[in-house]
Amino acid sequence: MHSFGYRVNALVTFAVTILAMLCAMASLSDNLNVPSPTAEVEVLNINWFQRQPNGNDEVSLTMNISANLQTVFTWNTKQVFVFVAAEYETPQNSLNQVSLWDGIILSKDSATFSIHTTNKYRFIDQGSNLRGKDVNLTLHWHVMPKTGKMFADRIVMAGYRLPEEYR
């Protein structure tokens, strides 16, 4: 006969194997979800656009951010991290990203939102590269599952141009 320790070891090994298989199936089932979120970021006002004493440009914006991210939620979703970034090109860098606002969505019920806000984080460029610059406002989201790999995507709202002169 087998000892008590051997039987406990076999039972725990079997339970962990079943748990790993269930986690793998849960993670794979997320691949069947095809989300179709919608979002819009609208700049209502430029509060100030100035050159700092050290030569860097700084912009303060008032925005309307509205989104419906309910379709990214599945039964395996723990939370969704969402943020708005300003993306633009400069002679030094092909892609500059500055986070303007962020939030955490904990449930499908709160995944539809519309907020009126100023940028939560400072929009500063190292140098005077922002005057007359074309900026894409992009809503990014990162889905954090209960088990499995994270998923990230974005919606780009192109075509916003910053002023030529400081205000």
Protein backbone atom coordinates (compact mmCIF):
# COMPACT_ATOMS: atom_id res chain seq x y z
CA MET A 1 0.00 0.00 0.00
CA HIS A 2 0.92 3.65 -0.41
CA SER A 3 1.68 5.87 2.53
CA PHE A 4 -0.49 8.79 3.62
CA GLY A 5 2.11 11.31 2.36
CA TYR A 6 2.19 9.69 -1.08
CA ARG A 7 -1.62 9.84 -1.35
CA VAL A 8 -1.72 13.53 -0.33
CA ASN A 9 1.04 14.30 -2.86
CA ALA A 10 -0.91 12.55 -5.64
CA LEU A 11 -4.11 14.41 -4.72
CA VAL A 12 -2.42 17.84 -4.61
CA THR A 13 -0.61 17.18 -7.91
CA PHE A 14 -3.89 16.18 -9.56
CA ALA A 15 -5.69 19.26 -8.18
CA VAL A 16 -2.94 21.64 -9.37
CA THR A 17 -2.96 20.02 -12.83
CA ILE A 18 -6.74 20.48 -13.12
CA LEU A 19 -6.46 24.10 -11.90
CA ALA A 20 -3.73 24.84 -14.48
CA MET A 21 -5.88 23.35 -17.25
CA LEU A 22 -8.89 25.44 -16.19
CA CYS A 23 -6.75 28.61 -16.13
CA ALA A 24 -5.40 27.84 -19.61
CA MET A 25 -8.93 27.27 -20.95
CA ALA A 26 -10.12 30.52 -19.35
CA SER A 27 -7.25 32.41 -20.93
CA LEU A 28 -7.83 30.86 -24.35
CA SER A 29 -11.56 31.63 -24.21
CA ASP A 30 -10.70 35.37 -24.15
CA ASN A 31 -9.33 35.00 -27.70
CA LEU A 32 -12.89 34.34 -28.90
CA ASN A 33 -14.03 37.80 -27.75
CA VAL A 34 -13.87 40.42 -30.51
CA PRO A 35 -14.31 43.78 -28.79
CA SER A 36 -15.73 46.78 -30.62
CA PRO A 37 -15.30 49.75 -28.27
CA THR A 38 -16.08 53.33 -29.22
CA ALA A 39 -14.44 56.51 -27.98
CA GLU A 40 -14.18 60.21 -28.65
CA VAL A 41 -11.78 62.76 -27.21
CA GLU A 42 -12.63 66.36 -27.97
CA VAL A 43 -10.47 69.37 -27.05
CA LEU A 44 -12.81 72.12 -25.87
CA ASN A 45 -10.29 74.76 -24.87
CA ILE A 46 -6.60 75.49 -24.55
CA ASN A 47 -6.28 76.92 -21.05
CA TRP A 48 -2.71 78.04 -21.61
CA PHE A 49 0.09 77.42 -24.05
CA GLN A 50 3.36 78.81 -22.83
CA ARG A 51 7.10 78.56 -23.01
CA GLN A 52 8.63 77.81 -19.62
CA PRO A 53 11.74 79.69 -18.43
CA ASN A 54 13.88 76.63 -19.20
CA GLY A 55 12.71 76.69 -22.85
CA ASN A 56 10.19 73.83 -22.74
CA ASP A 57 6.67 74.16 -24.15
CA GLU A 58 3.69 73.45 -21.86
CA VAL A 59 0.02 73.09 -22.77
CA SER A 60 -3.07 72.81 -20.58
CA LEU A 61 -6.20 71.45 -22.29
CA THR A 62 -9.86 71.10 -21.34
CA MET A 63 -11.28 67.92 -22.89
CA ASN A 64 -14.45 65.87 -23.19
CA ILE A 65 -13.61 62.17 -23.01
CA SER A 66 -16.41 59.73 -23.77
CA ALA A 67 -16.07 56.02 -24.32
CA ASN A 68 -17.97 52.76 -24.33
CA LEU A 69 -15.57 49.95 -23.39
CA GLN A 70 -18.20 47.40 -22.33
CA THR A 71 -17.28 45.00 -25.13
CA VAL A 72 -13.73 44.56 -23.80
CA PHE A 73 -15.14 43.04 -20.59
CA THR A 74 -15.50 39.26 -20.44
CA TRP A 75 -16.07 36.96 -17.50
CA ASN A 76 -12.25 36.75 -17.20
CA THR A 77 -11.67 40.54 -16.96
CA LYS A 78 -10.49 41.82 -13.59
CA GLN A 79 -10.11 45.51 -14.53
CA VAL A 80 -9.29 47.80 -17.44
CA PHE A 81 -6.66 50.54 -17.24
CA VAL A 82 -7.54 53.37 -19.64
CA PHE A 83 -5.58 56.51 -20.53
CA VAL A 84 -5.53 59.36 -23.04
CA ALA A 85 -2.19 60.23 -24.61
CA ALA A 86 -1.10 63.04 -26.90
CA GLU A 87 1.09 61.60 -29.66
CA TYR A 88 3.20 63.68 -32.02
CA GLU A 89 6.46 63.72 -33.98
CA THR A 90 9.52 65.92 -33.48
CA PRO A 91 12.82 66.12 -35.37
CA GLN A 92 14.50 64.19 -32.53
CA ASN A 93 11.84 61.45 -32.09
CA SER A 94 9.47 59.79 -34.51
CA LEU A 95 6.93 59.19 -31.71
CA ASN A 96 6.41 61.24 -28.56
CA GLN A 97 3.67 60.15 -26.16
CA VAL A 98 2.49 62.27 -23.24
CA SER A 99 -0.16 60.86 -20.91
CA LEU A 100 -2.89 63.44 -20.29
CA TRP A 101 -5.46 61.50 -18.23
CA ASP A 102 -5.95 57.97 -16.87
CA GLY A 103 -8.39 55.85 -14.94
CA ILE A 104 -9.19 52.29 -13.84
CA ILE A 105 -12.50 50.67 -14.78
CA LEU A 106 -13.45 47.91 -12.37
CA SER A 107 -16.73 46.68 -13.84
CA LYS A 108 -18.68 46.44 -17.06
CA ASP A 109 -21.32 48.75 -15.59
CA SER A 110 -18.83 51.62 -15.30
CA ALA A 111 -17.23 50.97 -18.71
CA THR A 112 -19.42 53.60 -20.37
CA PHE A 113 -18.34 57.04 -19.27
CA SER A 114 -18.23 60.66 -20.33
CA ILE A 115 -16.10 63.16 -18.43
CA HIS A 116 -15.26 66.83 -18.78
CA THR A 117 -11.71 67.40 -17.48
CA THR A 118 -8.43 69.20 -17.83
CA ASN A 119 -5.31 67.17 -18.41
CA LYS A 120 -4.44 65.31 -15.21
CA TYR A 121 -0.73 65.25 -16.05
CA ARG A 122 1.38 68.10 -17.41
CA PHE A 123 1.73 68.23 -21.20
CA ILE A 124 5.34 69.38 -21.59
CA ASP A 125 7.70 68.96 -24.52
CA GLN A 126 11.45 69.18 -23.99
CA GLY A 127 12.14 72.08 -26.29
CA SER A 128 9.94 74.42 -28.24
CA ASN A 129 8.48 71.80 -30.58
CA LEU A 130 4.76 72.12 -29.87
CA ARG A 131 3.90 75.36 -31.71
CA GLY A 132 1.74 74.48 -34.73
CA LYS A 133 2.27 70.76 -34.12
CA ASP A 134 -0.25 68.16 -35.32
CA VAL A 135 -1.24 66.01 -32.34
CA ASN A 136 -3.16 62.74 -32.26
CA LEU A 137 -5.23 62.21 -29.12
CA THR A 138 -5.30 58.47 -28.47
CA LEU A 139 -7.42 56.50 -26.01
CA HIS A 140 -5.44 53.43 -24.88
CA TRP A 141 -6.76 50.57 -22.77
CA HIS A 142 -5.09 47.59 -21.14
CA VAL A 143 -7.31 44.67 -20.14
CA MET A 144 -6.04 42.95 -16.99
CA PRO A 145 -7.52 39.45 -16.83
CA LYS A 146 -8.07 37.27 -13.80
CA THR A 147 -5.89 34.68 -15.49
CA GLY A 148 -3.84 34.76 -18.70
CA LYS A 149 -2.06 37.46 -20.63
CA MET A 150 -2.87 41.17 -20.72
CA PHE A 151 -4.44 42.65 -23.84
CA ALA A 152 -3.95 46.23 -25.01
CA ASP A 153 -5.46 48.29 -27.82
CA ARG A 154 -6.24 51.90 -28.72
CA ILE A 155 -8.41 54.28 -30.72
CA VAL A 156 -6.61 57.18 -32.42
CA MET A 157 -8.35 60.52 -32.92
CA ALA A 158 -6.13 62.32 -35.43
CA GLY A 159 -6.08 65.83 -36.72
CA TYR A 160 -5.74 68.21 -33.78
CA ARG A 161 -3.35 71.12 -34.34
CA LEU A 162 -1.83 73.18 -31.54
CA PRO A 163 -1.69 76.98 -32.02
CA GLU A 164 1.24 78.71 -33.72
CA GLU A 165 1.56 81.32 -30.95
CA TYR A 166 1.87 81.10 -27.18
CA ARG A 167 -1.15 82.19 -25.09
